[in-house]
Amino acid sequence: MIPGVVLAAGASSRMGRSKALLPIGETGQTFLSRLVETFWSGSVDDVVVVISALSGNVVPALERCSRPPRVVVNPHPERGQLSSLHAALGAVDRPGVTGMLVTLVDAPLVSPETVRRVLEVFRAGEGPIVRPASGRTHGHPVVFGRMLFDALRGADETVGTKAVIRAHEASIVNVAIDDPGAFTDIDTPEDYERLIGQWPFEDGVR
């Protein structure tokens, strides 16, 4: 069993508002609900979203998903991204779980096909970390095998997952992916306008 985790608890300081709630498409989807649907379509076994008080009210959008995800609250988002991963581990680390597929809410354009391919490679037993790659560029989502769960729990919060990834660099499997969305982070209003469309707010925050 491999659950999918969407990390959406950050402050979104460069965006000026919660990325989780940004609209995308014509169907009332948000970045967060789009990723939930992408994960379900990509054949994950479970979907967990990690939010915080900084995420805003994500409930209405998630209620419209074809299948609702599990929601986990990170009580200490100020401690950084790794604190959200720790919150996720508390929810997903159960007997039968072989790995955890992780993405950031910053990357809502990744395709279900990419999710499916990364999972397929991981399930073939080819590495403790499996991630999309295009040349030397690495993207999301990333699968961490269960054998790394304790290392993630023990990682320095000021460094995040980078230390764990570096420690296993030689055994990482980089999957060649032809999907620009897997390598696209949307961090600012300018990114939004370039990649999604007109900035949809009129409050001057851009």
N, C-alpha and C. Protein backbone atom coordinates (compact mmCIF):
# COMPACT_ATOMS: atom_id res chain seq x y z
N MET A 1 0.84 -1.19 0.00
CA MET A 1 0.00 0.00 0.00
C MET A 1 0.87 1.25 0.00
N ILE A 2 0.57 2.18 -0.88
CA ILE A 2 1.33 3.42 -0.97
C ILE A 2 0.36 4.60 -0.93
N PRO A 3 0.28 5.29 0.20
CA PRO A 3 -0.57 6.49 0.26
C PRO A 3 0.10 7.67 -0.43
N GLY A 4 -0.71 8.58 -0.92
CA GLY A 4 -0.21 9.82 -1.49
C GLY A 4 -0.42 10.95 -0.50
N VAL A 5 0.56 11.80 -0.36
CA VAL A 5 0.53 12.89 0.61
C VAL A 5 0.72 14.23 -0.12
N VAL A 6 -0.17 15.17 0.15
CA VAL A 6 -0.02 16.53 -0.37
C VAL A 6 0.30 17.45 0.80
N LEU A 7 1.45 18.11 0.72
CA LEU A 7 1.86 19.02 1.78
C LEU A 7 1.34 20.42 1.46
N ALA A 8 0.43 20.93 2.29
CA ALA A 8 -0.24 22.20 2.01
C ALA A 8 -0.38 23.05 3.27
N ALA A 9 0.59 22.94 4.18
CA ALA A 9 0.47 23.63 5.47
C ALA A 9 1.30 24.90 5.56
N GLY A 10 2.03 25.24 4.51
CA GLY A 10 2.95 26.37 4.59
C GLY A 10 2.27 27.73 4.55
N ALA A 11 3.08 28.75 4.77
CA ALA A 11 2.55 30.12 4.85
C ALA A 11 2.30 30.75 3.48
N SER A 12 2.83 30.18 2.41
CA SER A 12 2.67 30.74 1.06
C SER A 12 3.04 32.22 1.04
N SER A 13 4.14 32.57 1.68
CA SER A 13 4.49 33.98 1.86
C SER A 13 4.74 34.69 0.54
N ARG A 14 5.34 34.02 -0.43
CA ARG A 14 5.62 34.68 -1.71
C ARG A 14 4.36 34.85 -2.55
N MET A 15 3.37 33.98 -2.31
CA MET A 15 2.12 34.09 -3.05
C MET A 15 1.22 35.16 -2.44
N GLY A 16 1.34 35.38 -1.14
CA GLY A 16 0.51 36.38 -0.48
C GLY A 16 -0.84 35.88 -0.03
N ARG A 17 -1.13 34.63 -0.29
CA ARG A 17 -2.38 33.98 0.14
C ARG A 17 -2.19 32.48 0.03
N SER A 18 -3.10 31.72 0.61
CA SER A 18 -2.95 30.27 0.64
C SER A 18 -2.92 29.68 -0.77
N LYS A 19 -1.84 28.95 -1.08
CA LYS A 19 -1.79 28.27 -2.38
C LYS A 19 -2.84 27.18 -2.48
N ALA A 20 -3.14 26.54 -1.35
CA ALA A 20 -4.09 25.44 -1.36
C ALA A 20 -5.44 25.86 -1.93
N LEU A 21 -5.81 27.14 -1.73
CA LEU A 21 -7.13 27.62 -2.12
C LEU A 21 -7.15 28.34 -3.46
N LEU A 22 -6.02 28.45 -4.12
CA LEU A 22 -6.00 29.14 -5.41
C LEU A 22 -6.82 28.37 -6.44
N PRO A 23 -7.65 29.06 -7.21
CA PRO A 23 -8.48 28.37 -8.20
C PRO A 23 -7.67 27.92 -9.40
N ILE A 24 -8.11 26.81 -9.98
CA ILE A 24 -7.46 26.29 -11.18
C ILE A 24 -8.52 25.61 -12.03
N GLY A 25 -8.57 25.93 -13.30
CA GLY A 25 -9.55 25.32 -14.19
C GLY A 25 -10.91 25.98 -14.08
N GLU A 26 -11.88 25.37 -14.73
CA GLU A 26 -13.22 25.95 -14.83
C GLU A 26 -14.25 25.26 -13.94
N THR A 27 -13.82 24.33 -13.11
CA THR A 27 -14.78 23.50 -12.39
C THR A 27 -14.81 23.77 -10.89
N GLY A 28 -14.25 24.88 -10.45
CA GLY A 28 -14.24 25.18 -9.04
C GLY A 28 -13.15 24.48 -8.27
N GLN A 29 -12.23 23.85 -8.98
CA GLN A 29 -11.12 23.19 -8.30
C GLN A 29 -10.13 24.21 -7.76
N THR A 30 -9.42 23.80 -6.72
CA THR A 30 -8.30 24.57 -6.19
C THR A 30 -7.02 23.76 -6.43
N PHE A 31 -5.88 24.39 -6.14
CA PHE A 31 -4.63 23.65 -6.26
C PHE A 31 -4.71 22.34 -5.46
N LEU A 32 -5.23 22.44 -4.23
CA LEU A 32 -5.26 21.26 -3.37
C LEU A 32 -6.20 20.20 -3.89
N SER A 33 -7.41 20.57 -4.25
CA SER A 33 -8.37 19.56 -4.72
C SER A 33 -7.94 18.97 -6.06
N ARG A 34 -7.29 19.77 -6.88
CA ARG A 34 -6.77 19.25 -8.17
C ARG A 34 -5.75 18.14 -7.91
N LEU A 35 -4.85 18.36 -6.95
CA LEU A 35 -3.84 17.35 -6.64
C LEU A 35 -4.47 16.10 -6.04
N VAL A 36 -5.49 16.27 -5.22
CA VAL A 36 -6.19 15.11 -4.66
C VAL A 36 -6.76 14.26 -5.79
N GLU A 37 -7.43 14.89 -6.74
CA GLU A 37 -8.01 14.15 -7.88
C GLU A 37 -6.91 13.52 -8.73
N THR A 38 -5.81 14.23 -8.92
CA THR A 38 -4.69 13.67 -9.69
C THR A 38 -4.16 12.42 -9.03
N PHE A 39 -4.01 12.45 -7.72
CA PHE A 39 -3.53 11.27 -7.00
C PHE A 39 -4.49 10.11 -7.13
N TRP A 40 -5.79 10.36 -6.93
CA TRP A 40 -6.75 9.25 -7.09
C TRP A 40 -6.68 8.69 -8.52
N SER A 41 -6.62 9.58 -9.50
CA SER A 41 -6.56 9.11 -10.90
C SER A 41 -5.26 8.37 -11.18
N GLY A 42 -4.21 8.69 -10.43
CA GLY A 42 -2.92 8.04 -10.61
C GLY A 42 -2.78 6.74 -9.86
N SER A 43 -3.87 6.28 -9.24
CA SER A 43 -3.93 4.95 -8.61
C SER A 43 -3.17 4.83 -7.30
N VAL A 44 -3.15 5.90 -6.50
CA VAL A 44 -2.63 5.74 -5.14
C VAL A 44 -3.67 4.98 -4.32
N ASP A 45 -3.24 4.45 -3.19
CA ASP A 45 -4.14 3.64 -2.36
C ASP A 45 -4.89 4.46 -1.31
N ASP A 46 -4.41 5.66 -1.04
CA ASP A 46 -4.99 6.52 -0.02
C ASP A 46 -4.46 7.92 -0.29
N VAL A 47 -5.21 8.95 0.07
CA VAL A 47 -4.72 10.31 -0.09
C VAL A 47 -4.84 11.04 1.24
N VAL A 48 -3.74 11.65 1.66
CA VAL A 48 -3.69 12.43 2.89
C VAL A 48 -3.22 13.84 2.54
N VAL A 49 -3.93 14.84 3.04
CA VAL A 49 -3.48 16.22 2.85
C VAL A 49 -3.10 16.77 4.22
N VAL A 50 -1.98 17.45 4.26
CA VAL A 50 -1.51 18.06 5.50
C VAL A 50 -1.73 19.56 5.39
N ILE A 51 -2.52 20.09 6.31
CA ILE A 51 -2.85 21.52 6.31
C ILE A 51 -2.48 22.10 7.67
N SER A 52 -2.70 23.40 7.80
CA SER A 52 -2.49 24.07 9.08
C SER A 52 -3.46 25.25 9.14
N ALA A 53 -3.35 26.02 10.20
CA ALA A 53 -4.18 27.22 10.32
C ALA A 53 -3.87 28.22 9.21
N LEU A 54 -2.73 28.07 8.55
CA LEU A 54 -2.33 28.98 7.48
C LEU A 54 -2.97 28.62 6.14
N SER A 55 -3.57 27.44 6.06
CA SER A 55 -4.08 26.94 4.78
C SER A 55 -5.42 27.53 4.38
N GLY A 56 -6.15 28.10 5.33
CA GLY A 56 -7.49 28.58 5.05
C GLY A 56 -8.49 27.44 5.11
N ASN A 57 -9.73 27.74 4.74
CA ASN A 57 -10.81 26.76 4.81
C ASN A 57 -10.81 25.89 3.55
N VAL A 58 -10.17 24.74 3.64
CA VAL A 58 -10.06 23.86 2.48
C VAL A 58 -11.24 22.91 2.36
N VAL A 59 -12.10 22.87 3.36
CA VAL A 59 -13.17 21.86 3.40
C VAL A 59 -14.10 21.93 2.20
N PRO A 60 -14.63 23.11 1.81
CA PRO A 60 -15.58 23.13 0.68
C PRO A 60 -15.03 22.52 -0.60
N ALA A 61 -13.78 22.85 -0.93
CA ALA A 61 -13.19 22.29 -2.16
C ALA A 61 -12.99 20.80 -2.04
N LEU A 62 -12.53 20.33 -0.89
CA LEU A 62 -12.27 18.89 -0.73
C LEU A 62 -13.57 18.09 -0.72
N GLU A 63 -14.64 18.70 -0.26
CA GLU A 63 -15.93 18.00 -0.26
C GLU A 63 -16.43 17.72 -1.67
N ARG A 64 -15.94 18.48 -2.64
CA ARG A 64 -16.35 18.27 -4.03
C ARG A 64 -15.49 17.24 -4.75
N CYS A 65 -14.47 16.72 -4.09
CA CYS A 65 -13.62 15.71 -4.72
C CYS A 65 -14.41 14.42 -4.91
N SER A 66 -14.02 13.65 -5.91
CA SER A 66 -14.71 12.39 -6.20
C SER A 66 -14.64 11.44 -5.02
N ARG A 67 -13.52 11.47 -4.31
CA ARG A 67 -13.35 10.76 -3.05
C ARG A 67 -12.62 11.68 -2.10
N PRO A 68 -13.15 11.92 -0.92
CA PRO A 68 -12.47 12.84 -0.02
C PRO A 68 -11.16 12.25 0.50
N PRO A 69 -10.16 13.08 0.68
CA PRO A 69 -8.91 12.63 1.28
C PRO A 69 -9.03 12.64 2.80
N ARG A 70 -8.04 12.07 3.45
CA ARG A 70 -7.90 12.26 4.88
C ARG A 70 -7.17 13.58 5.12
N VAL A 71 -7.60 14.31 6.12
CA VAL A 71 -7.00 15.61 6.43
C VAL A 71 -6.24 15.51 7.74
N VAL A 72 -4.97 15.92 7.71
CA VAL A 72 -4.12 15.92 8.90
C VAL A 72 -3.67 17.35 9.15
N VAL A 73 -3.75 17.79 10.40
CA VAL A 73 -3.36 19.16 10.74
C VAL A 73 -1.95 19.17 11.33
N ASN A 74 -1.10 20.01 10.76
CA ASN A 74 0.23 20.25 11.30
C ASN A 74 0.10 21.40 12.30
N PRO A 75 0.29 21.14 13.59
CA PRO A 75 0.11 22.21 14.58
C PRO A 75 1.28 23.19 14.63
N HIS A 76 2.38 22.84 13.97
CA HIS A 76 3.58 23.69 14.04
C HIS A 76 4.17 23.94 12.65
N PRO A 77 3.40 24.57 11.76
CA PRO A 77 3.92 24.78 10.40
C PRO A 77 5.13 25.69 10.36
N GLU A 78 5.31 26.51 11.40
CA GLU A 78 6.46 27.41 11.44
C GLU A 78 7.78 26.65 11.52
N ARG A 79 7.72 25.37 11.83
CA ARG A 79 8.94 24.56 11.92
C ARG A 79 9.41 24.09 10.54
N GLY A 80 8.64 24.38 9.51
CA GLY A 80 9.09 24.04 8.17
C GLY A 80 8.42 22.81 7.58
N GLN A 81 8.81 22.54 6.34
CA GLN A 81 8.17 21.49 5.54
C GLN A 81 8.29 20.11 6.18
N LEU A 82 9.43 19.85 6.83
CA LEU A 82 9.62 18.54 7.43
C LEU A 82 8.60 18.27 8.53
N SER A 83 8.16 19.31 9.22
CA SER A 83 7.15 19.12 10.26
C SER A 83 5.84 18.60 9.66
N SER A 84 5.54 19.01 8.45
CA SER A 84 4.34 18.49 7.76
C SER A 84 4.53 17.04 7.36
N LEU A 85 5.75 16.71 6.95
CA LEU A 85 6.03 15.32 6.59
C LEU A 85 5.93 14.42 7.82
N HIS A 86 6.38 14.93 8.95
CA HIS A 86 6.25 14.16 10.20
C HIS A 86 4.78 13.95 10.54
N ALA A 87 3.96 14.98 10.35
CA ALA A 87 2.53 14.83 10.60
C ALA A 87 1.92 13.78 9.67
N ALA A 88 2.37 13.77 8.42
CA ALA A 88 1.88 12.78 7.47
C ALA A 88 2.28 11.37 7.87
N LEU A 89 3.53 11.22 8.29
CA LEU A 89 4.00 9.90 8.71
C LEU A 89 3.16 9.35 9.86
N GLY A 90 2.77 10.22 10.76
CA GLY A 90 1.93 9.77 11.87
C GLY A 90 0.60 9.21 11.40
N ALA A 91 0.15 9.68 10.24
CA ALA A 91 -1.14 9.21 9.72
C ALA A 91 -1.03 8.00 8.81
N VAL A 92 0.11 7.85 8.11
CA VAL A 92 0.18 6.81 7.08
C VAL A 92 1.02 5.59 7.46
N ASP A 93 1.88 5.73 8.47
CA ASP A 93 2.78 4.62 8.79
C ASP A 93 2.02 3.52 9.54
N ARG A 94 1.55 2.56 8.77
CA ARG A 94 0.77 1.46 9.29
C ARG A 94 1.28 0.16 8.67
N PRO A 95 1.01 -0.99 9.29
CA PRO A 95 1.38 -2.27 8.67
C PRO A 95 0.82 -2.37 7.25
N GLY A 96 1.64 -2.84 6.34
CA GLY A 96 1.22 -2.98 4.95
C GLY A 96 1.60 -1.81 4.07
N VAL A 97 1.98 -0.68 4.67
CA VAL A 97 2.41 0.48 3.89
C VAL A 97 3.87 0.29 3.48
N THR A 98 4.14 0.33 2.20
CA THR A 98 5.50 0.09 1.70
C THR A 98 6.24 1.37 1.33
N GLY A 99 5.51 2.45 1.21
CA GLY A 99 6.14 3.71 0.85
C GLY A 99 5.12 4.84 0.93
N MET A 100 5.60 6.04 0.67
CA MET A 100 4.76 7.23 0.75
C MET A 100 5.09 8.13 -0.44
N LEU A 101 4.07 8.47 -1.21
CA LEU A 101 4.22 9.35 -2.36
C LEU A 101 3.93 10.78 -1.90
N VAL A 102 4.87 11.68 -2.13
CA VAL A 102 4.76 13.04 -1.57
C VAL A 102 4.87 14.08 -2.66
N THR A 103 4.00 15.09 -2.58
CA THR A 103 4.14 16.26 -3.44
C THR A 103 3.82 17.50 -2.66
N LEU A 104 4.20 18.64 -3.21
CA LEU A 104 3.90 19.94 -2.62
C LEU A 104 2.67 20.52 -3.31
N VAL A 105 1.91 21.32 -2.58
CA VAL A 105 0.73 21.96 -3.18
C VAL A 105 1.15 22.97 -4.24
N ASP A 106 2.45 23.33 -4.25
CA ASP A 106 3.00 24.25 -5.26
C ASP A 106 2.96 23.69 -6.67
N ALA A 107 2.77 22.36 -6.81
CA ALA A 107 2.93 21.71 -8.11
C ALA A 107 1.61 21.07 -8.57
N PRO A 108 0.57 21.88 -8.81
CA PRO A 108 -0.74 21.31 -9.12
C PRO A 108 -0.91 20.80 -10.54
N LEU A 109 0.08 21.02 -11.40
CA LEU A 109 -0.07 20.68 -12.81
C LEU A 109 0.46 19.29 -13.17
N VAL A 110 0.98 18.58 -12.19
CA VAL A 110 1.48 17.23 -12.47
C VAL A 110 0.33 16.35 -12.97
N SER A 111 0.63 15.43 -13.85
CA SER A 111 -0.41 14.61 -14.46
C SER A 111 -0.59 13.28 -13.74
N PRO A 112 -1.79 12.69 -13.85
CA PRO A 112 -1.99 11.35 -13.29
C PRO A 112 -1.04 10.32 -13.89
N GLU A 113 -0.67 10.50 -15.15
CA GLU A 113 0.24 9.55 -15.80
C GLU A 113 1.60 9.55 -15.12
N THR A 114 2.05 10.73 -14.69
CA THR A 114 3.33 10.80 -13.98
C THR A 114 3.23 10.08 -12.64
N VAL A 115 2.14 10.32 -11.92
CA VAL A 115 1.93 9.62 -10.65
C VAL A 115 1.96 8.11 -10.86
N ARG A 116 1.25 7.67 -11.88
CA ARG A 116 1.15 6.23 -12.16
C ARG A 116 2.53 5.64 -12.49
N ARG A 117 3.31 6.37 -13.27
CA ARG A 117 4.61 5.86 -13.70
C ARG A 117 5.59 5.78 -12.52
N VAL A 118 5.61 6.80 -11.68
CA VAL A 118 6.51 6.79 -10.52
C VAL A 118 6.15 5.64 -9.58
N LEU A 119 4.86 5.44 -9.36
CA LEU A 119 4.43 4.33 -8.51
C LEU A 119 4.81 2.99 -9.12
N GLU A 120 4.65 2.88 -10.41
CA GLU A 120 4.98 1.62 -11.11
C GLU A 120 6.45 1.26 -10.91
N VAL A 121 7.33 2.25 -11.04
CA VAL A 121 8.76 2.00 -10.88
C VAL A 121 9.07 1.64 -9.43
N PHE A 122 8.46 2.35 -8.50
CA PHE A 122 8.71 2.02 -7.10
C PHE A 122 8.23 0.61 -6.76
N ARG A 123 7.05 0.27 -7.24
CA ARG A 123 6.50 -1.06 -6.94
C ARG A 123 7.34 -2.17 -7.55
N ALA A 124 8.11 -1.86 -8.58
CA ALA A 124 9.01 -2.85 -9.17
C ALA A 124 10.24 -3.09 -8.30
N GLY A 125 10.37 -2.32 -7.21
CA GLY A 125 11.43 -2.54 -6.25
C GLY A 125 12.78 -1.99 -6.66
N GLU A 126 12.76 -0.90 -7.42
CA GLU A 126 14.02 -0.42 -7.99
C GLU A 126 14.75 0.61 -7.13
N GLY A 127 14.21 1.05 -6.01
CA GLY A 127 14.95 2.03 -5.22
C GLY A 127 14.18 2.51 -4.01
N PRO A 128 14.89 3.01 -2.99
CA PRO A 128 14.21 3.52 -1.80
C PRO A 128 13.59 4.89 -2.02
N ILE A 129 14.09 5.61 -3.04
CA ILE A 129 13.51 6.89 -3.43
C ILE A 129 13.33 6.88 -4.94
N VAL A 130 12.14 7.22 -5.38
CA VAL A 130 11.85 7.28 -6.82
C VAL A 130 11.25 8.64 -7.11
N ARG A 131 11.77 9.30 -8.13
CA ARG A 131 11.28 10.65 -8.44
C ARG A 131 11.32 10.91 -9.95
N PRO A 132 10.48 11.82 -10.44
CA PRO A 132 10.53 12.19 -11.85
C PRO A 132 11.82 12.95 -12.16
N ALA A 133 12.29 12.80 -13.37
CA ALA A 133 13.49 13.52 -13.79
C ALA A 133 13.38 13.88 -15.26
N SER A 134 13.97 15.03 -15.57
CA SER A 134 14.11 15.46 -16.96
C SER A 134 15.51 16.05 -17.08
N GLY A 135 16.43 15.27 -17.64
CA GLY A 135 17.83 15.67 -17.61
C GLY A 135 18.30 15.70 -16.16
N ARG A 136 18.85 16.82 -15.75
CA ARG A 136 19.32 16.95 -14.37
C ARG A 136 18.28 17.60 -13.45
N THR A 137 17.09 17.84 -13.98
CA THR A 137 16.02 18.45 -13.19
C THR A 137 15.19 17.36 -12.54
N HIS A 138 14.90 17.53 -11.26
CA HIS A 138 14.09 16.56 -10.52
C HIS A 138 12.77 17.20 -10.12
N GLY A 139 11.70 16.41 -10.11
CA GLY A 139 10.39 16.98 -9.85
C GLY A 139 9.60 16.24 -8.80
N HIS A 140 8.29 16.41 -8.86
CA HIS A 140 7.34 15.80 -7.93
C HIS A 140 6.28 15.04 -8.75
N PRO A 141 5.70 14.04 -8.10
CA PRO A 141 5.85 13.59 -6.71
C PRO A 141 7.04 12.65 -6.53
N VAL A 142 7.45 12.50 -5.27
CA VAL A 142 8.58 11.65 -4.90
C VAL A 142 8.07 10.53 -3.99
N VAL A 143 8.52 9.31 -4.25
CA VAL A 143 8.19 8.19 -3.37
C VAL A 143 9.35 7.93 -2.42
N PHE A 144 9.06 7.90 -1.13
CA PHE A 144 10.01 7.47 -0.11
C PHE A 144 9.59 6.09 0.39
N GLY A 145 10.49 5.14 0.28
CA GLY A 145 10.20 3.79 0.76
C GLY A 145 10.12 3.74 2.27
N ARG A 146 9.40 2.74 2.76
CA ARG A 146 9.21 2.60 4.20
C ARG A 146 10.53 2.52 4.96
N MET A 147 11.56 1.97 4.33
CA MET A 147 12.85 1.86 5.00
C MET A 147 13.46 3.21 5.35
N LEU A 148 12.91 4.29 4.79
CA LEU A 148 13.43 5.63 5.08
C LEU A 148 12.55 6.40 6.07
N PHE A 149 11.46 5.81 6.51
CA PHE A 149 10.55 6.55 7.39
C PHE A 149 11.26 7.01 8.67
N ASP A 150 12.05 6.13 9.29
CA ASP A 150 12.75 6.52 10.51
C ASP A 150 13.79 7.61 10.25
N ALA A 151 14.45 7.53 9.10
CA ALA A 151 15.42 8.57 8.75
C ALA A 151 14.73 9.91 8.57
N LEU A 152 13.55 9.91 7.98
CA LEU A 152 12.78 11.15 7.82
C LEU A 152 12.36 11.70 9.18
N ARG A 153 11.96 10.81 10.06
CA ARG A 153 11.56 11.26 11.41
C ARG A 153 12.74 11.88 12.16
N GLY A 154 13.93 11.35 11.92
CA GLY A 154 15.10 11.82 12.65
C GLY A 154 15.85 12.94 11.97
N ALA A 155 15.39 13.38 10.81
CA ALA A 155 16.10 14.42 10.06
C ALA A 155 16.01 15.77 10.77
N ASP A 156 17.00 16.58 10.55
CA ASP A 156 17.06 17.93 11.11
C ASP A 156 16.02 18.80 10.41
N GLU A 157 15.12 19.41 11.18
CA GLU A 157 14.05 20.22 10.59
C GLU A 157 14.60 21.42 9.83
N THR A 158 15.78 21.90 10.19
CA THR A 158 16.34 23.05 9.49
C THR A 158 16.89 22.67 8.12
N VAL A 159 17.11 21.39 7.90
CA VAL A 159 17.62 20.91 6.61
C VAL A 159 16.51 20.27 5.78
N GLY A 160 15.55 19.66 6.46
CA GLY A 160 14.45 19.02 5.77
C GLY A 160 14.82 17.68 5.17
N THR A 161 14.15 17.32 4.09
CA THR A 161 14.38 16.01 3.47
C THR A 161 15.69 15.94 2.70
N LYS A 162 16.33 17.08 2.47
CA LYS A 162 17.53 17.09 1.63
C LYS A 162 18.63 16.18 2.18
N ALA A 163 18.76 16.17 3.52
CA ALA A 163 19.81 15.33 4.11
C ALA A 163 19.55 13.86 3.84
N VAL A 164 18.28 13.44 3.91
CA VAL A 164 17.93 12.04 3.66
C VAL A 164 18.17 11.71 2.19
N ILE A 165 17.79 12.61 1.32
CA ILE A 165 17.99 12.39 -0.12
C ILE A 165 19.47 12.30 -0.45
N ARG A 166 20.27 13.19 0.13
CA ARG A 166 21.72 13.16 -0.14
C ARG A 166 22.34 11.87 0.37
N ALA A 167 21.88 11.40 1.52
CA ALA A 167 22.46 10.19 2.11
C ALA A 167 22.19 8.95 1.26
N HIS A 168 21.16 9.02 0.41
CA HIS A 168 20.79 7.86 -0.42
C HIS A 168 20.90 8.18 -1.91
N GLU A 169 21.70 9.18 -2.22
CA GLU A 169 21.81 9.65 -3.61
C GLU A 169 22.16 8.53 -4.57
N ALA A 170 23.03 7.63 -4.16
CA ALA A 170 23.51 6.59 -5.07
C ALA A 170 22.43 5.60 -5.44
N SER A 171 21.39 5.48 -4.62
CA SER A 171 20.36 4.49 -4.89
C SER A 171 19.02 5.10 -5.31
N ILE A 172 19.00 6.40 -5.53
CA ILE A 172 17.78 7.04 -6.02
C ILE A 172 17.51 6.60 -7.45
N VAL A 173 16.27 6.35 -7.75
CA VAL A 173 15.86 6.05 -9.12
C VAL A 173 15.19 7.28 -9.71
N ASN A 174 15.80 7.85 -10.74
CA ASN A 174 15.25 8.99 -11.46
C ASN A 174 14.51 8.48 -12.69
N VAL A 175 13.21 8.71 -12.73
CA VAL A 175 12.37 8.20 -13.80
C VAL A 175 12.20 9.29 -14.87
N ALA A 176 12.61 8.99 -16.08
CA ALA A 176 12.47 9.96 -17.17
C ALA A 176 10.99 10.23 -17.42
N ILE A 177 10.59 11.47 -17.27
CA ILE A 177 9.19 11.86 -17.39
C ILE A 177 9.06 13.01 -18.36
N ASP A 178 8.13 12.89 -19.30
CA ASP A 178 7.84 13.96 -20.24
C ASP A 178 6.53 14.63 -19.81
N ASP A 179 6.62 15.40 -18.75
CA ASP A 179 5.45 16.06 -18.17
C ASP A 179 5.92 17.36 -17.53
N PRO A 180 5.76 18.50 -18.21
CA PRO A 180 6.23 19.77 -17.64
C PRO A 180 5.64 20.05 -16.25
N GLY A 181 4.42 19.57 -16.00
CA GLY A 181 3.79 19.82 -14.71
C GLY A 181 4.52 19.20 -13.54
N ALA A 182 5.28 18.15 -13.79
CA ALA A 182 6.04 17.50 -12.73
C ALA A 182 7.21 18.34 -12.26
N PHE A 183 7.58 19.34 -13.06
CA PHE A 183 8.76 20.16 -12.77
C PHE A 183 8.40 21.64 -12.61
N THR A 184 7.11 21.92 -12.43
CA THR A 184 6.64 23.29 -12.38
C THR A 184 6.11 23.64 -10.99
N ASP A 185 6.80 24.53 -10.30
CA ASP A 185 6.32 25.06 -9.03
C ASP A 185 5.69 26.43 -9.28
N ILE A 186 4.56 26.67 -8.63
CA ILE A 186 3.87 27.95 -8.76
C ILE A 186 3.95 28.64 -7.41
N ASP A 187 4.85 29.61 -7.29
CA ASP A 187 5.17 30.20 -5.99
C ASP A 187 4.75 31.65 -5.83
N THR A 188 4.48 32.34 -6.95
CA THR A 188 4.17 33.77 -6.90
C THR A 188 2.96 34.08 -7.78
N PRO A 189 2.33 35.24 -7.57
CA PRO A 189 1.25 35.64 -8.49
C PRO A 189 1.71 35.71 -9.94
N GLU A 190 2.96 36.10 -10.15
CA GLU A 190 3.49 36.15 -11.52
C GLU A 190 3.56 34.76 -12.14
N ASP A 191 3.98 33.78 -11.33
CA ASP A 191 3.96 32.39 -11.80
C ASP A 191 2.55 31.98 -12.17
N TYR A 192 1.60 32.34 -11.32
CA TYR A 192 0.20 31.97 -11.56
C TYR A 192 -0.27 32.54 -12.90
N GLU A 193 -0.02 33.82 -13.13
CA GLU A 193 -0.50 34.44 -14.37
C GLU A 193 0.18 33.84 -15.60
N ARG A 194 1.44 33.46 -15.45
CA ARG A 194 2.18 32.88 -16.58
C ARG A 194 1.71 31.47 -16.91
N LEU A 195 1.33 30.71 -15.88
CA LEU A 195 1.06 29.28 -16.07
C LEU A 195 -0.42 28.91 -15.99
N ILE A 196 -1.21 29.70 -15.28
CA ILE A 196 -2.62 29.36 -15.08
C ILE A 196 -3.54 30.33 -15.81
N GLY A 197 -3.34 31.61 -15.59
CA GLY A 197 -4.22 32.61 -16.20
C GLY A 197 -4.26 33.88 -15.36
N GLN A 198 -5.18 34.74 -15.67
CA GLN A 198 -5.27 36.03 -14.98
C GLN A 198 -5.42 35.85 -13.47
N TRP A 199 -4.67 36.65 -12.74
CA TRP A 199 -4.76 36.63 -11.27
C TRP A 199 -6.21 36.92 -10.87
N PRO A 200 -6.86 36.04 -10.12
CA PRO A 200 -8.31 36.15 -9.94
C PRO A 200 -8.77 37.02 -8.78
N PHE A 201 -7.86 37.78 -8.17
CA PHE A 201 -8.24 38.57 -7.01
C PHE A 201 -8.02 40.06 -7.29
N GLU A 202 -8.79 40.90 -6.59
CA GLU A 202 -8.73 42.34 -6.83
C GLU A 202 -8.39 43.09 -5.55
N ASP A 203 -7.68 42.45 -4.63
CA ASP A 203 -7.37 43.11 -3.37
C ASP A 203 -5.98 43.69 -3.33
N GLY A 204 -5.31 43.70 -4.49
CA GLY A 204 -4.00 44.30 -4.57
C GLY A 204 -2.86 43.37 -4.18
N VAL A 205 -3.19 42.17 -3.70
CA VAL A 205 -2.14 41.23 -3.32
C VAL A 205 -1.72 40.46 -4.57
N ARG A 206 -0.53 40.76 -5.07
CA ARG A 206 -0.06 40.11 -6.28
C ARG A 206 1.45 40.22 -6.37
